[in-house]
Amino acid sequence: MTVKRPITTMKYASHSYWVLLSGLAATASTYAQVDDAADVLAGRDSVPVLLATDDAEKDDVLNIDTQQTFDDWKESVKQRTGLDFGFDYTGLGLRADESLGKESAGSGSIRFFGSWALINTEGPNTGSLVFKVENRHAYGSVTPQDFGTEVGYVGLPGSVYTDQQWRGTHVYWQQDFCNGRGVSYVGWLDITDYADVYAMASPWTGFANIAFETGSGTYGAYPDGALGVMVGGFFTDHVYGIASIVDGNGDPTDLLKGFDSFFGDFDTLKIIELGYTSGPKRLFMDNAHITLWQIDEIESANNGYGVSVSFSKAIANAWMPFFRAGWARDGGSLYETAVSTGIGHTTDPGRNLLGVALNWNRPSEDTFGVKLDDQYLVEVFQRWQITEGLQLTPSLQLMQKPALNPDTDSIWVLGLRMRFAL
């Protein structure tokens, strides 16, 4: 039975959280010496990082660049208007050696994204409109996100690959403040842009399985297209903090619904993160952080809360071992507890990336209503930059002791991902 929360408690907690957001902004303005927090307090799939990495020169395998004319035109538009934008198309196909249902799954996504600097365009306190619009579509009857159910594994083998069709992943105002030492977002947000990030968390370019992404599968709900606010900044050159509150019922296929949901129901997801890095420009690579989250009762889940920790360290610009763990109490989480560890390796950052990771997880009894057996997972991928705009990434997932398929000890899932960016 669900126990309703007293309204007075909810209002008090929400008021306290707004105070925390304001305090974080004030602290960042007082102490930090970072050049531009907006450049570093953002994940691999955030629009500013996507634009920067897609525009960067790459040591591609075939040494082919057919996009230079288009890139030059985009740069001229940016110089004239402040609008920086890009496109990409990503597709993922999966094939299992054994399944309770379908043995294959596939989905693709075309995305249009950009950042339009409109205030203080020369900095340091720039104000920008940031957006990302997508069309996610299935190649067949089963998507990679739902493939776990088909094979009997609790989890998301391809976390973002769905059949949602048109969606607004985010549209928000980004405001740098305190000479670039802090950053705030207001609008429709994707929390995976800034919460619990590390270098290989992207399902578009890194590991495909949710077990190696945000919260290691223990976040109950991490909506994108969710109306809300985020404030982040550096307290010192090494210590940073992030606080965010967003609509727990956020729906990227119906952004305008967020006004009624956020201001009317006000069932929200709150996130606080505190982290340490060897230096702001190394935040992706040398990073340790702890992330706390709490979500109210929403349409799809009971209220809940949890914590995740992460550590990663770049060695000789070629190796990056990492350790990540999470724990959750209800809130619609896939896993009650999960632990992941692995390593990334590159011989040329612009050309290739190898990722190898192991995961142990315990499916959430609160979510599934029964106690399920622990699961084990291995994922290996090899990403190649074929041309300036084309990446190919073959992968292999080994699912040991799938909780929904107890008659099978292991399931092998072969994957192939393609991404083309302009």
Protein backbone atom coordinates (compact mmCIF):
# COMPACT_ATOMS: atom_id res chain seq x y z
CA MET A 1 0.00 0.00 0.00
CA THR A 2 1.27 3.47 -0.88
CA VAL A 3 1.50 5.95 1.98
CA LYS A 4 0.76 9.53 0.96
CA ARG A 5 3.16 12.21 2.18
CA PRO A 6 1.84 15.09 4.29
CA ILE A 7 1.50 18.20 2.14
CA THR A 8 3.20 20.38 4.73
CA THR A 9 6.27 18.14 4.67
CA MET A 10 6.46 18.27 0.88
CA LYS A 11 6.25 22.07 0.86
CA TYR A 12 8.89 22.39 3.56
CA ALA A 13 11.25 20.03 1.74
CA SER A 14 10.75 21.87 -1.55
CA HIS A 15 11.38 25.25 0.10
CA SER A 16 14.58 23.89 1.66
CA TYR A 17 15.73 22.66 -1.72
CA TRP A 18 15.28 26.10 -3.34
CA VAL A 19 17.36 27.54 -0.50
CA LEU A 20 20.06 24.97 -1.27
CA LEU A 21 20.08 25.91 -4.97
CA SER A 22 20.53 29.58 -4.07
CA GLY A 23 23.28 28.77 -1.59
CA LEU A 24 25.20 26.74 -4.15
CA ALA A 25 25.15 29.65 -6.60
CA ALA A 26 26.38 32.08 -3.96
CA THR A 27 29.20 29.78 -2.85
CA ALA A 28 30.40 29.28 -6.42
CA SER A 29 30.57 33.04 -6.90
CA THR A 30 32.72 33.49 -3.83
CA TYR A 31 35.47 30.91 -4.13
CA ALA A 32 35.98 29.37 -7.53
CA GLN A 33 38.71 30.35 -9.99
CA VAL A 34 37.45 28.22 -12.88
CA ASP A 35 37.44 29.84 -16.32
CA ASP A 36 34.06 28.48 -17.48
CA ALA A 37 32.00 26.00 -15.47
CA ALA A 38 29.60 25.55 -18.39
CA ASP A 39 32.36 23.89 -20.40
CA VAL A 40 33.13 21.26 -17.79
CA LEU A 41 29.99 20.66 -15.69
CA ALA A 42 28.29 18.85 -18.56
CA GLY A 43 28.20 15.25 -19.69
CA ARG A 44 29.32 13.69 -22.95
CA ASP A 45 25.82 13.98 -24.45
CA SER A 46 25.16 17.59 -23.44
CA VAL A 47 24.81 19.92 -26.40
CA PRO A 48 27.91 22.06 -25.70
CA VAL A 49 30.10 18.95 -25.44
CA LEU A 50 28.50 17.33 -28.50
CA LEU A 51 29.17 20.44 -30.58
CA ALA A 52 32.78 20.69 -29.43
CA THR A 53 33.64 17.02 -29.97
CA ASP A 54 31.88 16.75 -33.32
CA ASP A 55 33.66 19.87 -34.60
CA ALA A 56 37.10 18.73 -33.40
CA GLU A 57 39.59 17.41 -35.95
CA LYS A 58 39.83 13.61 -35.78
CA ASP A 59 42.51 11.13 -36.80
CA ASP A 60 40.03 8.94 -38.65
CA VAL A 61 40.97 5.54 -40.04
CA LEU A 62 40.35 6.35 -43.72
CA ASN A 63 41.51 9.97 -43.48
CA ILE A 64 38.39 11.13 -45.32
CA ASP A 65 36.70 14.45 -44.63
CA THR A 66 33.82 15.20 -46.99
CA GLN A 67 32.25 17.65 -44.53
CA GLN A 68 34.75 20.50 -44.57
CA THR A 69 32.63 22.80 -46.74
CA PHE A 70 29.59 22.24 -44.51
CA ASP A 71 31.70 22.73 -41.37
CA ASP A 72 33.08 26.01 -42.72
CA TRP A 73 29.55 27.22 -43.46
CA LYS A 74 28.38 26.27 -39.95
CA GLU A 75 31.31 28.18 -38.46
CA SER A 76 30.43 31.27 -40.52
CA VAL A 77 26.84 31.08 -39.23
CA LYS A 78 28.15 30.86 -35.67
CA GLN A 79 30.42 33.87 -36.14
CA ARG A 80 27.61 35.97 -37.65
CA THR A 81 24.71 35.00 -35.41
CA GLY A 82 26.02 33.14 -32.34
CA LEU A 83 24.13 29.99 -33.38
CA ASP A 84 26.14 26.77 -33.20
CA PHE A 85 24.31 23.63 -34.31
CA GLY A 86 24.74 20.06 -35.48
CA PHE A 87 22.99 16.93 -36.68
CA ASP A 88 23.64 13.26 -36.10
CA TYR A 89 22.10 9.88 -36.84
CA THR A 90 22.76 6.89 -34.60
CA GLY A 91 21.50 3.34 -35.00
CA LEU A 92 21.95 0.27 -32.79
CA GLY A 93 21.20 -3.35 -33.63
CA LEU A 94 21.33 -6.22 -31.11
CA ARG A 95 21.21 -10.00 -31.62
CA ALA A 96 20.95 -12.60 -28.83
CA ASP A 97 21.99 -16.24 -29.02
CA GLU A 98 18.99 -17.24 -26.87
CA SER A 99 15.73 -15.53 -26.00
CA LEU A 100 12.30 -16.05 -24.47
CA GLY A 101 10.85 -13.99 -27.31
CA LYS A 102 12.44 -12.11 -30.20
CA GLU A 103 16.16 -12.70 -30.78
CA SER A 104 16.95 -9.30 -32.31
CA ALA A 105 16.22 -5.62 -31.71
CA GLY A 106 17.04 -2.37 -33.43
CA SER A 107 16.39 1.34 -33.25
CA GLY A 108 17.74 4.60 -34.62
CA SER A 109 17.63 8.29 -33.82
CA ILE A 110 18.14 11.45 -35.82
CA ARG A 111 18.95 14.48 -33.68
CA PHE A 112 19.14 18.21 -34.31
CA PHE A 113 20.82 20.17 -31.55
CA GLY A 114 22.32 23.58 -30.97
CA SER A 115 23.31 26.44 -28.70
CA TRP A 116 22.44 30.03 -29.56
CA ALA A 117 24.45 32.64 -27.64
CA LEU A 118 22.20 35.70 -27.23
CA ILE A 119 23.51 37.63 -24.20
CA ASN A 120 27.13 38.63 -23.55
CA THR A 121 28.17 36.60 -26.57
CA GLU A 122 31.85 37.38 -26.00
CA GLY A 123 31.61 36.25 -22.38
CA PRO A 124 32.28 35.69 -19.66
CA ASN A 125 28.67 35.57 -18.43
CA THR A 126 27.06 34.31 -21.63
CA GLY A 127 23.36 33.53 -21.87
CA SER A 128 22.38 30.89 -24.43
CA LEU A 129 19.31 29.05 -25.67
CA VAL A 130 20.14 25.33 -25.82
CA PHE A 131 17.99 22.76 -27.62
CA LYS A 132 17.90 19.15 -28.80
CA VAL A 133 15.09 17.65 -30.89
CA GLU A 134 15.01 13.98 -31.89
CA ASN A 135 13.11 11.31 -33.75
CA ARG A 136 13.65 7.87 -32.21
CA HIS A 137 12.28 4.97 -34.26
CA ALA A 138 12.35 1.18 -34.17
CA TYR A 139 13.77 -0.93 -36.99
CA GLY A 140 11.46 -3.82 -36.14
CA SER A 141 9.00 -4.91 -33.47
CA VAL A 142 11.46 -4.73 -30.53
CA THR A 143 13.73 -1.86 -29.51
CA PRO A 144 17.10 -2.26 -27.76
CA GLN A 145 15.67 -0.56 -24.66
CA ASP A 146 13.02 -3.29 -24.36
CA PHE A 147 15.28 -6.15 -25.39
CA GLY A 148 15.99 -7.16 -21.79
CA THR A 149 12.39 -8.28 -21.35
CA GLU A 150 12.62 -10.39 -24.51
CA VAL A 151 15.71 -12.30 -23.39
CA GLY A 152 14.75 -12.48 -19.70
CA TYR A 153 17.24 -9.95 -18.31
CA VAL A 154 16.25 -7.18 -15.90
CA GLY A 155 17.79 -4.09 -17.45
CA LEU A 156 18.12 -1.95 -20.55
CA PRO A 157 20.63 -3.41 -23.05
CA GLY A 158 20.33 -0.26 -25.19
CA SER A 159 19.08 2.41 -22.83
CA VAL A 160 18.07 5.27 -25.17
CA TYR A 161 17.08 3.31 -28.26
CA THR A 162 13.27 3.45 -28.34
CA ASP A 163 10.33 4.02 -30.68
CA GLN A 164 9.09 7.29 -29.17
CA GLN A 165 9.10 9.12 -32.52
CA TRP A 166 9.39 12.92 -32.23
CA ARG A 167 10.51 14.28 -28.88
CA GLY A 168 12.08 17.36 -27.31
CA THR A 169 14.95 16.06 -25.21
CA HIS A 170 15.59 19.52 -23.86
CA VAL A 171 15.02 23.21 -24.45
CA TYR A 172 16.50 25.47 -21.81
CA TRP A 173 18.21 28.74 -21.05
CA GLN A 174 21.84 28.38 -19.99
CA GLN A 175 23.20 31.29 -18.00
CA ASP A 176 26.84 31.49 -17.00
CA PHE A 177 27.49 33.66 -13.97
CA CYS A 178 30.27 34.89 -11.71
CA ASN A 179 32.68 35.31 -14.62
CA GLY A 180 31.96 31.80 -15.85
CA ARG A 181 32.61 30.10 -12.51
CA GLY A 182 29.01 28.96 -12.24
CA VAL A 183 26.28 27.85 -14.61
CA SER A 184 22.50 27.48 -14.39
CA TYR A 185 19.91 25.82 -16.61
CA VAL A 186 16.21 26.74 -16.62
CA GLY A 187 13.73 24.97 -18.87
CA TRP A 188 13.18 21.41 -20.06
CA LEU A 189 16.22 19.43 -18.94
CA ASP A 190 17.84 16.02 -19.32
CA ILE A 191 19.45 15.17 -15.99
CA THR A 192 21.92 12.77 -17.62
CA ASP A 193 23.58 15.88 -19.08
CA TYR A 194 24.99 16.78 -15.67
CA ALA A 195 24.27 14.14 -13.00
CA ASP A 196 26.64 11.23 -12.28
CA VAL A 197 28.61 11.65 -15.51
CA TYR A 198 31.91 10.12 -16.52
CA ALA A 199 33.75 9.75 -19.83
CA MET A 200 32.17 6.50 -21.08
CA ALA A 201 28.61 6.88 -19.81
CA SER A 202 27.16 7.86 -23.20
CA PRO A 203 24.91 5.22 -24.84
CA TRP A 204 25.55 7.03 -28.14
CA THR A 205 29.34 6.70 -28.07
CA GLY A 206 30.28 4.57 -25.03
CA PHE A 207 28.69 1.64 -23.20
CA ALA A 208 25.19 0.73 -24.40
CA ASN A 209 23.84 -0.96 -21.24
CA ILE A 210 22.24 1.18 -18.52
CA ALA A 211 24.35 -0.65 -15.92
CA PHE A 212 27.36 1.45 -17.00
CA GLU A 213 25.52 4.75 -17.30
CA THR A 214 23.76 7.23 -15.00
CA GLY A 215 23.25 5.72 -11.56
CA SER A 216 24.36 2.27 -12.77
CA GLY A 217 20.67 1.42 -13.17
CA THR A 218 19.69 2.40 -9.62
CA TYR A 219 18.08 5.75 -10.49
CA GLY A 220 14.34 5.31 -10.20
CA ALA A 221 13.50 7.94 -12.80
CA TYR A 222 15.80 10.15 -14.76
CA PRO A 223 13.41 11.94 -17.10
CA ASP A 224 14.49 14.03 -20.04
CA GLY A 225 12.27 16.76 -21.38
CA ALA A 226 11.55 17.54 -17.71
CA LEU A 227 10.78 21.12 -16.68
CA GLY A 228 13.11 22.32 -13.95
CA VAL A 229 16.30 24.05 -12.95
CA MET A 230 19.95 23.16 -12.34
CA VAL A 231 22.67 25.21 -10.66
CA GLY A 232 26.31 24.14 -10.61
CA GLY A 233 29.68 25.61 -9.87
CA PHE A 234 33.17 25.15 -8.50
CA PHE A 235 33.80 25.90 -4.82
CA THR A 236 37.55 25.65 -5.49
CA ASP A 237 39.63 24.65 -8.50
CA HIS A 238 39.09 21.03 -7.47
CA VAL A 239 35.73 20.79 -5.67
CA TYR A 240 32.42 21.28 -7.46
CA GLY A 241 28.75 20.93 -6.67
CA ILE A 242 25.51 20.50 -8.59
CA ALA A 243 21.90 20.80 -7.42
CA SER A 244 18.81 20.25 -9.53
CA ILE A 245 15.05 19.92 -9.25
CA VAL A 246 12.92 18.75 -12.19
CA ASP A 247 9.44 17.45 -12.92
CA GLY A 248 9.33 13.76 -12.04
CA ASN A 249 6.59 13.22 -14.64
CA GLY A 250 8.52 14.91 -17.45
CA ASP A 251 7.47 13.75 -20.92
CA PRO A 252 9.74 14.63 -23.86
CA THR A 253 6.92 13.85 -26.32
CA ASP A 254 4.69 16.53 -24.75
CA LEU A 255 6.81 19.37 -23.36
CA LEU A 256 3.92 21.78 -22.74
CA LYS A 257 2.34 19.26 -20.37
CA GLY A 258 5.27 20.03 -18.09
CA PHE A 259 3.73 23.35 -17.00
CA ASP A 260 0.69 21.65 -15.47
CA SER A 261 2.73 18.76 -14.12
CA PHE A 262 5.52 20.80 -12.54
CA PHE A 263 3.57 23.77 -11.18
CA GLY A 264 0.37 21.84 -10.51
CA ASP A 265 1.31 18.42 -9.15
CA PHE A 266 4.89 19.40 -8.21
CA ASP A 267 6.03 15.79 -7.91
CA THR A 268 9.72 16.30 -8.45
CA LEU A 269 13.10 14.63 -8.72
CA LYS A 270 15.82 16.30 -6.66
CA ILE A 271 19.54 15.74 -7.20
CA ILE A 272 22.59 16.91 -5.26
CA GLU A 273 26.12 16.05 -6.36
CA LEU A 274 29.47 16.86 -4.77
CA GLY A 275 32.66 16.01 -6.61
CA TYR A 276 36.42 16.33 -6.72
CA THR A 277 38.65 16.59 -9.79
CA SER A 278 42.36 17.15 -10.33
CA GLY A 279 41.43 20.23 -12.36
CA PRO A 280 38.34 21.64 -14.12
CA LYS A 281 39.53 20.66 -17.59
CA ARG A 282 40.14 17.10 -16.31
CA LEU A 283 36.69 16.62 -14.79
CA PHE A 284 35.67 13.96 -17.31
CA MET A 285 38.84 11.94 -16.77
CA ASP A 286 39.99 12.46 -13.16
CA ASN A 287 36.86 12.49 -11.07
CA ALA A 288 35.33 11.27 -7.84
CA HIS A 289 31.79 12.21 -6.87
CA ILE A 290 28.78 11.25 -4.78
CA THR A 291 25.24 11.86 -6.02
CA LEU A 292 22.10 11.86 -3.87
CA TRP A 293 18.60 11.77 -5.33
CA GLN A 294 15.01 11.72 -4.11
CA ILE A 295 11.80 11.49 -6.10
CA ASP A 296 8.20 12.04 -5.04
CA GLU A 297 5.45 9.62 -5.95
CA ILE A 298 4.87 9.99 -9.70
CA GLU A 299 2.53 8.47 -12.28
CA SER A 300 4.81 5.48 -12.91
CA ALA A 301 6.39 4.82 -9.48
CA ASN A 302 6.24 5.30 -5.73
CA ASN A 303 8.42 7.86 -4.01
CA GLY A 304 12.00 6.81 -3.35
CA TYR A 305 15.59 7.86 -2.86
CA GLY A 306 19.11 6.67 -3.47
CA VAL A 307 22.81 7.37 -3.71
CA SER A 308 25.52 6.66 -6.26
CA VAL A 309 29.30 7.04 -6.19
CA SER A 310 31.82 7.17 -9.01
CA PHE A 311 35.59 7.23 -9.40
CA SER A 312 37.61 7.44 -12.61
CA LYS A 313 41.24 8.26 -13.32
CA ALA A 314 43.07 8.81 -16.62
CA ILE A 315 46.51 7.22 -16.80
CA ALA A 316 49.04 8.33 -19.44
CA ASN A 317 46.17 9.64 -21.59
CA ALA A 318 45.63 6.04 -22.71
CA TRP A 319 43.95 4.16 -19.85
CA MET A 320 40.95 5.06 -17.71
CA PRO A 321 39.92 2.64 -14.96
CA PHE A 322 36.63 3.38 -13.23
CA PHE A 323 34.50 2.19 -10.33
CA ARG A 324 30.83 3.02 -9.90
CA ALA A 325 28.13 1.89 -7.48
CA GLY A 326 24.56 2.77 -6.58
CA TRP A 327 21.85 1.95 -4.05
CA ALA A 328 18.15 2.80 -4.19
CA ARG A 329 15.01 2.45 -2.12
CA ASP A 330 11.94 2.22 -4.37
CA GLY A 331 11.26 5.16 -6.70
CA GLY A 332 10.85 2.80 -9.67
CA SER A 333 14.51 1.84 -9.78
CA LEU A 334 15.58 -1.19 -11.83
CA TYR A 335 18.14 -2.24 -9.25
CA GLU A 336 18.25 -2.00 -5.49
CA THR A 337 22.04 -2.23 -5.60
CA ALA A 338 24.56 -2.24 -8.43
CA VAL A 339 28.35 -2.19 -8.68
CA SER A 340 30.29 -1.62 -11.90
CA THR A 341 33.98 -1.53 -12.67
CA GLY A 342 35.94 -1.43 -15.87
CA ILE A 343 38.54 0.28 -17.98
CA GLY A 344 38.79 2.27 -21.16
CA HIS A 345 41.82 2.24 -23.45
CA THR A 346 42.81 4.24 -26.50
CA THR A 347 45.93 4.31 -28.64
CA ASP A 348 44.68 7.49 -30.33
CA PRO A 349 41.81 9.48 -28.74
CA GLY A 350 40.64 10.73 -32.13
CA ARG A 351 40.57 7.28 -33.71
CA ASN A 352 39.60 4.46 -31.34
CA LEU A 353 38.30 3.54 -27.91
CA LEU A 354 38.08 0.12 -26.24
CA GLY A 355 35.77 -0.32 -23.26
CA VAL A 356 35.57 -3.36 -20.96
CA ALA A 357 33.32 -3.45 -17.90
CA LEU A 358 31.78 -5.79 -15.33
CA ASN A 359 28.56 -5.30 -13.37
CA TRP A 360 26.76 -7.00 -10.51
CA ASN A 361 23.20 -5.95 -9.74
CA ARG A 362 20.29 -6.91 -7.53
CA PRO A 363 16.86 -6.23 -9.11
CA SER A 364 14.62 -4.05 -6.95
CA GLU A 365 12.03 -6.00 -4.97
CA ASP A 366 10.13 -2.73 -4.43
CA THR A 367 9.75 -2.26 -8.19
CA PHE A 368 9.08 -5.83 -9.32
CA GLY A 369 7.08 -7.01 -6.31
CA VAL A 370 9.09 -10.22 -5.86
CA LYS A 371 12.63 -11.03 -4.85
CA LEU A 372 14.67 -11.82 -7.97
CA ASP A 373 18.11 -13.38 -8.20
CA ASP A 374 21.25 -11.28 -8.60
CA GLN A 375 22.50 -10.74 -12.14
CA TYR A 376 25.98 -10.33 -13.64
CA LEU A 377 26.93 -8.50 -16.80
CA VAL A 378 30.00 -8.02 -18.99
CA GLU A 379 30.10 -5.49 -21.83
CA VAL A 380 32.94 -4.97 -24.30
CA PHE A 381 32.93 -2.45 -27.14
CA GLN A 382 35.45 -1.20 -29.69
CA ARG A 383 34.73 2.18 -31.24
CA TRP A 384 36.39 3.21 -34.51
CA GLN A 385 36.35 6.65 -36.13
CA ILE A 386 36.07 5.53 -39.76
CA THR A 387 35.81 8.98 -41.38
CA GLU A 388 35.61 12.48 -39.94
CA GLY A 389 31.89 12.04 -39.31
CA LEU A 390 31.34 8.26 -39.15
CA GLN A 391 31.82 6.00 -36.12
CA LEU A 392 31.31 2.23 -36.00
CA THR A 393 31.15 0.38 -32.68
CA PRO A 394 30.79 -3.40 -32.48
CA SER A 395 29.99 -4.65 -28.98
CA LEU A 396 29.34 -7.80 -26.97
CA GLN A 397 27.26 -8.20 -23.81
CA LEU A 398 27.32 -11.33 -21.66
CA MET A 399 24.34 -11.56 -19.30
CA GLN A 400 24.93 -14.11 -16.54
CA LYS A 401 22.05 -15.53 -14.49
CA PRO A 402 19.28 -13.44 -16.13
CA ALA A 403 16.67 -13.01 -13.40
CA LEU A 404 13.62 -13.41 -15.67
CA ASN A 405 15.01 -16.44 -17.49
CA PRO A 406 16.14 -18.81 -14.70
CA ASP A 407 16.46 -21.78 -17.05
CA THR A 408 19.40 -20.11 -18.79
CA ASP A 409 22.82 -19.53 -17.22
CA SER A 410 24.02 -16.97 -19.75
CA ILE A 411 22.94 -14.99 -22.79
CA TRP A 412 25.30 -13.50 -25.38
CA VAL A 413 24.17 -10.31 -27.11
CA LEU A 414 26.07 -9.05 -30.14
CA GLY A 415 25.67 -5.39 -31.04
CA LEU A 416 26.63 -2.97 -33.79
CA ARG A 417 26.24 0.79 -33.47
CA MET A 418 26.70 3.39 -36.19
CA ARG A 419 26.85 7.15 -35.64
CA PHE A 420 27.18 9.78 -38.35
CA ALA A 421 27.55 13.42 -37.31
CA LEU A 422 27.51 16.70 -39.21
